[in-house]
Amino acid sequence: MSMSSTQHAVEPPSRCIQVWLLCINTCVSDTQLKQLGHKNRKLTSLLNSTELETMADKNCGEWSCTMYTDKETQWICDQVRSLVQEKTSKTYQEYRAVLFRDQLVAGKNFLFKVRVGDRNYIHVQVYQALPCNGGWLQLSGVQEDKTQEDPLEPISN
C-alpha cells in the first residue's frame, strides 16, 4: 500500500491506535521500509487516512458485535484446538467456529462460539499478540455446555 502525496486531515487517533502505530514504527526495519518503497523517510503509518479514521472509530477495549467467522478466524481457533481439548479433557470430532467477537487491546482478544457436536457448543477466548511482538496466540479461557442461543460474553478467569 503506498501513501499518497496529499495528506488528509485526520482526527488524532485514540491511544490504542497510537500504541499500535508506535509498534509498527519500532518493528519495521530500514530494509523493510526500502522494500516497501519508503526510501529515506521515517515510517509513520502504512495506513491511509480512511483506514486510520475507521480504526479510530472503533473504541479500544470494547468488544465488537457478534459476527460470522471466516477462514482467518477459523485458523486462529484451530491453532488452540489441542489446548482446548487438553483443558476440557475431551477430544472433539467436530470443532468449527461459527461466531466470534473481537476486542482491540495491546493485541487482540477473540471470543469464539465453537460447534463441537450436534447441538453442543463451547466458548473459547484467545489473545493474539501484535504482529510486531510475534503474533503469538494464547488460550485465555474455555466455557463448556453452551448452546447455539447462548450469547458470547467475555470469559473471566
N, C-alpha and C. Protein backbone atom coordinates (compact mmCIF):
# COMPACT_ATOMS: atom_id res chain seq x y z
N MET A 1 0.84 -1.15 0.00
CA MET A 1 0.00 0.00 0.00
C MET A 1 0.89 1.23 0.00
N SER A 2 0.67 2.14 -0.92
CA SER A 2 1.50 3.33 -0.96
C SER A 2 0.76 4.50 -0.35
N MET A 3 1.51 5.41 0.20
CA MET A 3 0.91 6.60 0.78
C MET A 3 0.83 7.66 -0.31
N SER A 4 -0.29 8.38 -0.34
CA SER A 4 -0.43 9.43 -1.34
C SER A 4 0.38 10.64 -0.93
N SER A 5 0.71 11.47 -1.92
CA SER A 5 1.49 12.66 -1.62
C SER A 5 0.64 13.71 -0.92
N THR A 6 -0.69 13.62 -1.07
CA THR A 6 -1.59 14.54 -0.40
C THR A 6 -2.00 13.94 0.93
N GLN A 7 -1.77 14.65 2.00
CA GLN A 7 -2.15 14.17 3.32
C GLN A 7 -3.54 14.71 3.66
N HIS A 8 -4.39 13.87 4.21
CA HIS A 8 -5.72 14.27 4.62
C HIS A 8 -5.71 14.56 6.11
N ALA A 9 -6.47 15.56 6.51
CA ALA A 9 -6.57 15.87 7.94
C ALA A 9 -7.38 14.77 8.61
N VAL A 10 -6.84 14.23 9.68
CA VAL A 10 -7.50 13.16 10.41
C VAL A 10 -7.50 13.54 11.88
N GLU A 11 -8.61 13.27 12.54
CA GLU A 11 -8.65 13.47 13.99
C GLU A 11 -7.54 12.64 14.60
N PRO A 12 -6.92 13.10 15.68
CA PRO A 12 -5.87 12.29 16.31
C PRO A 12 -6.43 10.93 16.69
N PRO A 13 -5.71 9.86 16.35
CA PRO A 13 -6.21 8.52 16.67
C PRO A 13 -6.23 8.31 18.17
N SER A 14 -7.06 7.36 18.59
CA SER A 14 -7.16 7.05 20.01
C SER A 14 -5.83 6.50 20.51
N ARG A 15 -5.69 6.40 21.82
CA ARG A 15 -4.44 5.98 22.45
C ARG A 15 -3.99 4.61 21.95
N CYS A 16 -4.92 3.67 21.81
CA CYS A 16 -4.51 2.33 21.38
C CYS A 16 -4.00 2.34 19.95
N ILE A 17 -4.57 3.18 19.11
CA ILE A 17 -4.09 3.28 17.74
C ILE A 17 -2.69 3.87 17.73
N GLN A 18 -2.45 4.86 18.58
CA GLN A 18 -1.12 5.45 18.68
C GLN A 18 -0.10 4.40 19.11
N VAL A 19 -0.48 3.57 20.09
CA VAL A 19 0.41 2.50 20.54
C VAL A 19 0.65 1.51 19.41
N TRP A 20 -0.39 1.17 18.67
CA TRP A 20 -0.27 0.23 17.57
C TRP A 20 0.66 0.79 16.50
N LEU A 21 0.49 2.08 16.17
CA LEU A 21 1.36 2.70 15.18
C LEU A 21 2.79 2.77 15.67
N LEU A 22 2.98 3.04 16.96
CA LEU A 22 4.32 3.04 17.54
C LEU A 22 4.95 1.67 17.38
N CYS A 23 4.15 0.63 17.58
CA CYS A 23 4.64 -0.73 17.41
C CYS A 23 5.08 -0.96 15.97
N ILE A 24 4.31 -0.46 15.02
CA ILE A 24 4.71 -0.59 13.61
C ILE A 24 6.04 0.12 13.40
N ASN A 25 6.16 1.34 13.94
CA ASN A 25 7.39 2.11 13.77
C ASN A 25 8.60 1.37 14.30
N THR A 26 8.47 0.69 15.42
CA THR A 26 9.62 0.04 16.04
C THR A 26 9.90 -1.33 15.45
N CYS A 27 8.96 -1.88 14.71
CA CYS A 27 9.13 -3.25 14.22
C CYS A 27 9.51 -3.33 12.75
N VAL A 28 9.39 -2.25 12.03
CA VAL A 28 9.73 -2.28 10.61
C VAL A 28 11.13 -1.71 10.45
N SER A 29 12.01 -2.52 9.89
CA SER A 29 13.41 -2.10 9.74
C SER A 29 13.58 -1.19 8.53
N ASP A 30 14.75 -0.55 8.45
CA ASP A 30 15.06 0.30 7.30
C ASP A 30 15.02 -0.50 6.00
N THR A 31 15.50 -1.74 6.03
CA THR A 31 15.48 -2.59 4.85
C THR A 31 14.04 -2.84 4.41
N GLN A 32 13.17 -3.14 5.39
CA GLN A 32 11.77 -3.38 5.05
C GLN A 32 11.12 -2.12 4.49
N LEU A 33 11.49 -0.95 5.03
CA LEU A 33 10.96 0.31 4.51
C LEU A 33 11.35 0.49 3.05
N LYS A 34 12.61 0.20 2.73
CA LYS A 34 13.08 0.35 1.35
C LYS A 34 12.34 -0.61 0.43
N GLN A 35 12.07 -1.84 0.92
CA GLN A 35 11.33 -2.80 0.12
C GLN A 35 9.91 -2.31 -0.14
N LEU A 36 9.36 -1.56 0.82
CA LEU A 36 8.02 -1.02 0.67
C LEU A 36 8.00 0.26 -0.15
N GLY A 37 9.18 0.75 -0.55
CA GLY A 37 9.25 1.96 -1.35
C GLY A 37 9.34 3.23 -0.55
N HIS A 38 9.61 3.13 0.74
CA HIS A 38 9.72 4.30 1.60
C HIS A 38 11.20 4.60 1.83
N LYS A 39 11.86 5.14 0.82
CA LYS A 39 13.30 5.41 0.92
C LYS A 39 13.53 6.74 1.63
N ASN A 40 14.50 6.73 2.52
CA ASN A 40 14.93 7.96 3.20
C ASN A 40 13.80 8.71 3.90
N ARG A 41 12.86 7.99 4.46
CA ARG A 41 11.84 8.66 5.25
C ARG A 41 11.44 7.78 6.42
N LYS A 42 11.06 8.41 7.49
CA LYS A 42 10.64 7.67 8.69
C LYS A 42 9.19 7.23 8.49
N LEU A 43 8.96 5.98 8.75
CA LEU A 43 7.61 5.44 8.62
C LEU A 43 6.75 5.96 9.77
N THR A 44 5.63 6.56 9.44
CA THR A 44 4.69 6.96 10.48
C THR A 44 3.45 6.08 10.43
N SER A 45 3.11 5.55 9.28
CA SER A 45 1.97 4.66 9.18
C SER A 45 1.92 4.06 7.78
N LEU A 46 1.55 2.80 7.69
CA LEU A 46 1.28 2.18 6.40
C LEU A 46 -0.20 2.30 6.05
N LEU A 47 -0.95 2.98 6.92
CA LEU A 47 -2.38 3.11 6.73
C LEU A 47 -2.71 4.45 6.11
N ASN A 48 -3.73 4.47 5.25
CA ASN A 48 -4.16 5.75 4.70
C ASN A 48 -5.15 6.40 5.67
N SER A 49 -5.57 7.61 5.38
CA SER A 49 -6.41 8.36 6.32
C SER A 49 -7.75 7.68 6.56
N THR A 50 -8.34 7.07 5.54
CA THR A 50 -9.62 6.39 5.71
C THR A 50 -9.48 5.22 6.66
N GLU A 51 -8.41 4.44 6.50
CA GLU A 51 -8.18 3.31 7.40
C GLU A 51 -7.95 3.78 8.83
N LEU A 52 -7.21 4.88 8.99
CA LEU A 52 -6.99 5.42 10.34
C LEU A 52 -8.30 5.87 10.96
N GLU A 53 -9.15 6.54 10.17
CA GLU A 53 -10.43 7.00 10.69
C GLU A 53 -11.29 5.82 11.11
N THR A 54 -11.31 4.76 10.29
CA THR A 54 -12.09 3.57 10.61
C THR A 54 -11.59 2.94 11.90
N MET A 55 -10.27 2.83 12.04
CA MET A 55 -9.71 2.23 13.25
C MET A 55 -9.97 3.12 14.46
N ALA A 56 -9.91 4.43 14.30
CA ALA A 56 -10.13 5.35 15.41
C ALA A 56 -11.59 5.32 15.85
N ASP A 57 -12.51 5.02 14.91
CA ASP A 57 -13.92 4.94 15.26
C ASP A 57 -14.20 3.78 16.20
N LYS A 58 -13.42 2.72 16.10
CA LYS A 58 -13.62 1.56 16.96
C LYS A 58 -12.95 1.85 18.30
N ASN A 59 -13.75 1.86 19.34
CA ASN A 59 -13.22 2.20 20.65
C ASN A 59 -12.36 1.08 21.20
N CYS A 60 -11.19 1.45 21.67
CA CYS A 60 -10.28 0.49 22.28
C CYS A 60 -10.93 -0.13 23.51
N GLY A 61 -10.75 -1.40 23.65
CA GLY A 61 -11.24 -2.09 24.84
C GLY A 61 -12.68 -2.54 24.75
N GLU A 62 -13.43 -2.09 23.77
CA GLU A 62 -14.82 -2.51 23.64
C GLU A 62 -14.90 -3.75 22.76
N TRP A 63 -15.74 -4.68 23.15
CA TRP A 63 -15.96 -5.87 22.34
C TRP A 63 -16.83 -5.52 21.15
N SER A 64 -16.55 -6.13 20.01
CA SER A 64 -17.34 -5.92 18.80
C SER A 64 -18.68 -6.61 18.94
N CYS A 65 -19.55 -6.37 17.97
CA CYS A 65 -20.78 -7.13 17.90
C CYS A 65 -20.42 -8.57 17.47
N THR A 66 -21.36 -9.46 17.57
CA THR A 66 -21.14 -10.86 17.17
C THR A 66 -21.17 -10.95 15.64
N MET A 67 -20.16 -11.64 15.09
CA MET A 67 -20.03 -11.75 13.63
C MET A 67 -19.82 -13.22 13.25
N TYR A 68 -20.09 -13.54 11.98
CA TYR A 68 -19.81 -14.87 11.47
C TYR A 68 -18.31 -15.02 11.26
N THR A 69 -17.82 -16.24 11.47
CA THR A 69 -16.39 -16.50 11.29
C THR A 69 -16.05 -16.59 9.80
N ASP A 70 -14.77 -16.47 9.52
CA ASP A 70 -14.25 -16.64 8.17
C ASP A 70 -13.02 -17.55 8.26
N LYS A 71 -12.30 -17.70 7.16
CA LYS A 71 -11.12 -18.59 7.16
C LYS A 71 -10.08 -18.15 8.17
N GLU A 72 -9.85 -16.84 8.28
CA GLU A 72 -8.83 -16.32 9.19
C GLU A 72 -9.19 -16.61 10.65
N THR A 73 -10.44 -16.36 11.02
CA THR A 73 -10.82 -16.60 12.41
C THR A 73 -10.88 -18.10 12.71
N GLN A 74 -11.28 -18.93 11.74
CA GLN A 74 -11.26 -20.38 11.96
C GLN A 74 -9.83 -20.85 12.16
N TRP A 75 -8.89 -20.29 11.41
CA TRP A 75 -7.48 -20.66 11.55
C TRP A 75 -7.00 -20.35 12.97
N ILE A 76 -7.35 -19.18 13.49
CA ILE A 76 -6.95 -18.82 14.86
C ILE A 76 -7.52 -19.82 15.85
N CYS A 77 -8.78 -20.14 15.69
CA CYS A 77 -9.43 -21.10 16.58
C CYS A 77 -8.77 -22.48 16.48
N ASP A 78 -8.42 -22.89 15.27
CA ASP A 78 -7.76 -24.19 15.06
C ASP A 78 -6.41 -24.26 15.76
N GLN A 79 -5.70 -23.14 15.83
CA GLN A 79 -4.36 -23.13 16.43
C GLN A 79 -4.39 -23.47 17.92
N VAL A 80 -5.51 -23.24 18.58
CA VAL A 80 -5.60 -23.53 20.03
C VAL A 80 -6.43 -24.79 20.32
N ARG A 81 -6.81 -25.52 19.28
CA ARG A 81 -7.66 -26.70 19.46
C ARG A 81 -7.07 -27.70 20.45
N SER A 82 -5.80 -28.03 20.30
CA SER A 82 -5.20 -29.02 21.21
C SER A 82 -5.21 -28.52 22.65
N LEU A 83 -5.00 -27.23 22.85
CA LEU A 83 -5.05 -26.66 24.20
C LEU A 83 -6.46 -26.70 24.77
N VAL A 84 -7.46 -26.45 23.92
CA VAL A 84 -8.86 -26.52 24.35
C VAL A 84 -9.20 -27.95 24.75
N GLN A 85 -8.79 -28.93 23.94
CA GLN A 85 -9.06 -30.34 24.24
C GLN A 85 -8.37 -30.76 25.53
N GLU A 86 -7.16 -30.27 25.74
CA GLU A 86 -6.43 -30.57 26.97
C GLU A 86 -7.15 -29.97 28.18
N LYS A 87 -7.60 -28.74 28.05
CA LYS A 87 -8.26 -28.05 29.17
C LYS A 87 -9.60 -28.70 29.52
N THR A 88 -10.33 -29.16 28.50
CA THR A 88 -11.64 -29.77 28.74
C THR A 88 -11.57 -31.28 28.93
N SER A 89 -10.40 -31.86 28.71
CA SER A 89 -10.20 -33.32 28.79
C SER A 89 -11.13 -34.05 27.83
N LYS A 90 -11.35 -33.47 26.66
CA LYS A 90 -12.21 -34.07 25.64
C LYS A 90 -11.52 -33.98 24.28
N THR A 91 -11.84 -34.94 23.41
CA THR A 91 -11.39 -34.89 22.03
C THR A 91 -12.63 -34.60 21.18
N TYR A 92 -12.56 -33.54 20.41
CA TYR A 92 -13.71 -33.13 19.61
C TYR A 92 -13.55 -33.61 18.17
N GLN A 93 -14.53 -34.41 17.71
CA GLN A 93 -14.54 -34.84 16.31
C GLN A 93 -14.90 -33.66 15.41
N GLU A 94 -15.83 -32.85 15.90
CA GLU A 94 -16.21 -31.63 15.20
C GLU A 94 -15.67 -30.46 16.02
N TYR A 95 -15.12 -29.47 15.35
CA TYR A 95 -14.57 -28.29 16.03
C TYR A 95 -14.60 -27.16 15.01
N ARG A 96 -15.76 -26.49 14.95
CA ARG A 96 -15.97 -25.48 13.92
C ARG A 96 -16.46 -24.18 14.55
N ALA A 97 -15.65 -23.15 14.43
CA ALA A 97 -16.05 -21.83 14.93
C ALA A 97 -17.18 -21.32 14.04
N VAL A 98 -18.26 -20.87 14.67
CA VAL A 98 -19.40 -20.38 13.90
C VAL A 98 -19.63 -18.88 14.08
N LEU A 99 -19.33 -18.37 15.26
CA LEU A 99 -19.48 -16.95 15.55
C LEU A 99 -18.28 -16.46 16.33
N PHE A 100 -18.04 -15.15 16.27
CA PHE A 100 -16.96 -14.61 17.09
C PHE A 100 -17.20 -13.14 17.38
N ARG A 101 -16.50 -12.66 18.39
CA ARG A 101 -16.40 -11.24 18.72
C ARG A 101 -14.92 -10.96 18.89
N ASP A 102 -14.53 -9.70 18.72
CA ASP A 102 -13.13 -9.36 18.98
C ASP A 102 -13.05 -8.05 19.75
N GLN A 103 -11.87 -7.83 20.32
CA GLN A 103 -11.62 -6.66 21.15
C GLN A 103 -10.20 -6.19 20.88
N LEU A 104 -10.06 -4.93 20.51
CA LEU A 104 -8.75 -4.35 20.26
C LEU A 104 -8.14 -3.89 21.57
N VAL A 105 -7.02 -4.47 21.92
CA VAL A 105 -6.26 -4.10 23.12
C VAL A 105 -4.82 -3.92 22.65
N ALA A 106 -3.84 -4.14 23.48
CA ALA A 106 -2.45 -4.14 23.01
C ALA A 106 -2.21 -5.50 22.37
N GLY A 107 -2.92 -5.73 21.30
CA GLY A 107 -3.05 -7.01 20.62
C GLY A 107 -4.53 -7.14 20.33
N LYS A 108 -5.04 -8.37 20.30
CA LYS A 108 -6.45 -8.56 20.01
C LYS A 108 -6.97 -9.77 20.77
N ASN A 109 -8.13 -9.61 21.40
CA ASN A 109 -8.82 -10.72 22.03
C ASN A 109 -9.90 -11.22 21.08
N PHE A 110 -10.07 -12.53 21.02
CA PHE A 110 -11.13 -13.14 20.24
C PHE A 110 -11.96 -14.00 21.16
N LEU A 111 -13.26 -14.00 20.93
CA LEU A 111 -14.18 -14.87 21.67
C LEU A 111 -14.97 -15.63 20.62
N PHE A 112 -14.85 -16.96 20.63
CA PHE A 112 -15.46 -17.81 19.61
C PHE A 112 -16.57 -18.66 20.19
N LYS A 113 -17.63 -18.87 19.40
CA LYS A 113 -18.61 -19.91 19.67
C LYS A 113 -18.23 -21.04 18.73
N VAL A 114 -17.88 -22.19 19.31
CA VAL A 114 -17.37 -23.32 18.54
C VAL A 114 -18.35 -24.48 18.64
N ARG A 115 -18.78 -24.97 17.49
CA ARG A 115 -19.66 -26.15 17.45
C ARG A 115 -18.79 -27.38 17.61
N VAL A 116 -19.13 -28.20 18.62
CA VAL A 116 -18.33 -29.40 18.92
C VAL A 116 -19.18 -30.67 18.86
N GLY A 117 -20.36 -30.57 18.33
CA GLY A 117 -21.24 -31.72 18.21
C GLY A 117 -22.59 -31.28 17.69
N ASP A 118 -23.52 -32.23 17.61
CA ASP A 118 -24.83 -31.97 17.02
C ASP A 118 -25.47 -30.70 17.56
N ARG A 119 -25.67 -30.61 18.85
CA ARG A 119 -26.23 -29.40 19.48
C ARG A 119 -25.34 -28.91 20.60
N ASN A 120 -24.06 -29.21 20.48
CA ASN A 120 -23.12 -28.87 21.54
C ASN A 120 -22.17 -27.77 21.09
N TYR A 121 -21.98 -26.82 21.98
CA TYR A 121 -21.10 -25.68 21.69
C TYR A 121 -20.22 -25.41 22.90
N ILE A 122 -19.08 -24.81 22.63
CA ILE A 122 -18.22 -24.29 23.68
C ILE A 122 -17.86 -22.86 23.30
N HIS A 123 -17.46 -22.08 24.30
CA HIS A 123 -16.96 -20.73 24.04
C HIS A 123 -15.47 -20.74 24.33
N VAL A 124 -14.70 -20.18 23.42
CA VAL A 124 -13.24 -20.18 23.51
C VAL A 124 -12.75 -18.74 23.38
N GLN A 125 -11.93 -18.32 24.34
CA GLN A 125 -11.35 -16.97 24.29
C GLN A 125 -9.85 -17.08 24.04
N VAL A 126 -9.36 -16.29 23.07
CA VAL A 126 -7.96 -16.35 22.64
C VAL A 126 -7.41 -14.93 22.57
N TYR A 127 -6.17 -14.77 23.01
CA TYR A 127 -5.46 -13.50 22.86
C TYR A 127 -4.43 -13.66 21.75
N GLN A 128 -4.36 -12.68 20.84
CA GLN A 128 -3.35 -12.66 19.78
C GLN A 128 -2.49 -11.42 19.96
N ALA A 129 -1.18 -11.64 20.12
CA ALA A 129 -0.23 -10.53 20.26
C ALA A 129 -0.14 -9.76 18.94
N LEU A 130 0.32 -8.53 19.03
CA LEU A 130 0.55 -7.73 17.82
C LEU A 130 1.58 -8.41 16.93
N PRO A 131 1.48 -8.26 15.61
CA PRO A 131 2.45 -8.87 14.70
C PRO A 131 3.89 -8.49 15.04
N CYS A 132 4.12 -7.24 15.47
CA CYS A 132 5.49 -6.83 15.78
C CYS A 132 6.02 -7.49 17.05
N ASN A 133 5.12 -8.10 17.81
CA ASN A 133 5.53 -8.84 19.01
C ASN A 133 5.49 -10.34 18.77
N GLY A 134 5.38 -10.74 17.52
CA GLY A 134 5.40 -12.16 17.18
C GLY A 134 4.06 -12.74 16.78
N GLY A 135 2.96 -12.04 17.09
CA GLY A 135 1.64 -12.52 16.70
C GLY A 135 1.21 -13.82 17.35
N TRP A 136 1.89 -14.21 18.44
CA TRP A 136 1.59 -15.48 19.10
C TRP A 136 0.17 -15.49 19.65
N LEU A 137 -0.34 -16.70 19.87
CA LEU A 137 -1.69 -16.89 20.37
C LEU A 137 -1.64 -17.51 21.76
N GLN A 138 -2.60 -17.12 22.60
CA GLN A 138 -2.69 -17.68 23.95
C GLN A 138 -4.15 -17.99 24.25
N LEU A 139 -4.43 -19.21 24.68
CA LEU A 139 -5.77 -19.57 25.12
C LEU A 139 -6.05 -18.87 26.44
N SER A 140 -7.11 -18.07 26.48
CA SER A 140 -7.43 -17.30 27.69
C SER A 140 -8.53 -17.94 28.52
N GLY A 141 -9.38 -18.74 27.89
CA GLY A 141 -10.45 -19.37 28.65
C GLY A 141 -11.33 -20.23 27.77
N VAL A 142 -12.03 -21.17 28.42
CA VAL A 142 -12.96 -22.06 27.74
C VAL A 142 -14.19 -22.23 28.63
N GLN A 143 -15.37 -22.18 28.05
CA GLN A 143 -16.60 -22.48 28.76
C GLN A 143 -17.31 -23.60 28.00
N GLU A 144 -17.66 -24.64 28.73
CA GLU A 144 -18.33 -25.79 28.13
C GLU A 144 -19.84 -25.69 28.33
N ASP A 145 -20.55 -26.66 27.75
CA ASP A 145 -22.00 -26.79 27.91
C ASP A 145 -22.76 -25.55 27.47
N LYS A 146 -22.41 -25.03 26.32
CA LYS A 146 -23.09 -23.87 25.75
C LYS A 146 -24.05 -24.33 24.67
N THR A 147 -25.04 -23.50 24.38
CA THR A 147 -26.00 -23.79 23.32
C THR A 147 -25.80 -22.80 22.19
N GLN A 148 -26.49 -23.06 21.09
CA GLN A 148 -26.41 -22.15 19.94
C GLN A 148 -26.94 -20.77 20.32
N GLU A 149 -27.90 -20.71 21.24
CA GLU A 149 -28.53 -19.46 21.62
C GLU A 149 -27.76 -18.67 22.67
N ASP A 150 -26.85 -19.30 23.40
CA ASP A 150 -26.12 -18.59 24.46
C ASP A 150 -25.33 -17.43 23.86
N PRO A 151 -25.43 -16.23 24.48
CA PRO A 151 -24.67 -15.09 23.96
C PRO A 151 -23.18 -15.26 24.23
N LEU A 152 -22.37 -14.67 23.36
CA LEU A 152 -20.92 -14.69 23.55
C LEU A 152 -20.54 -13.57 24.52
N GLU A 153 -20.21 -13.94 25.73
CA GLU A 153 -19.81 -12.99 26.76
C GLU A 153 -18.37 -13.27 27.15
N PRO A 154 -17.56 -12.23 27.37
CA PRO A 154 -16.16 -12.44 27.74
C PRO A 154 -16.02 -13.39 28.92
N ILE A 155 -15.00 -14.22 28.85
CA ILE A 155 -14.73 -15.22 29.89
C ILE A 155 -13.77 -14.60 30.90
N SER A 156 -14.20 -14.58 32.15
CA SER A 156 -13.29 -14.07 33.19
C SER A 156 -12.62 -15.27 33.85
N ASN A 157 -11.33 -15.13 34.09
CA ASN A 157 -10.57 -16.26 34.65
C ASN A 157 -10.74 -16.35 36.12
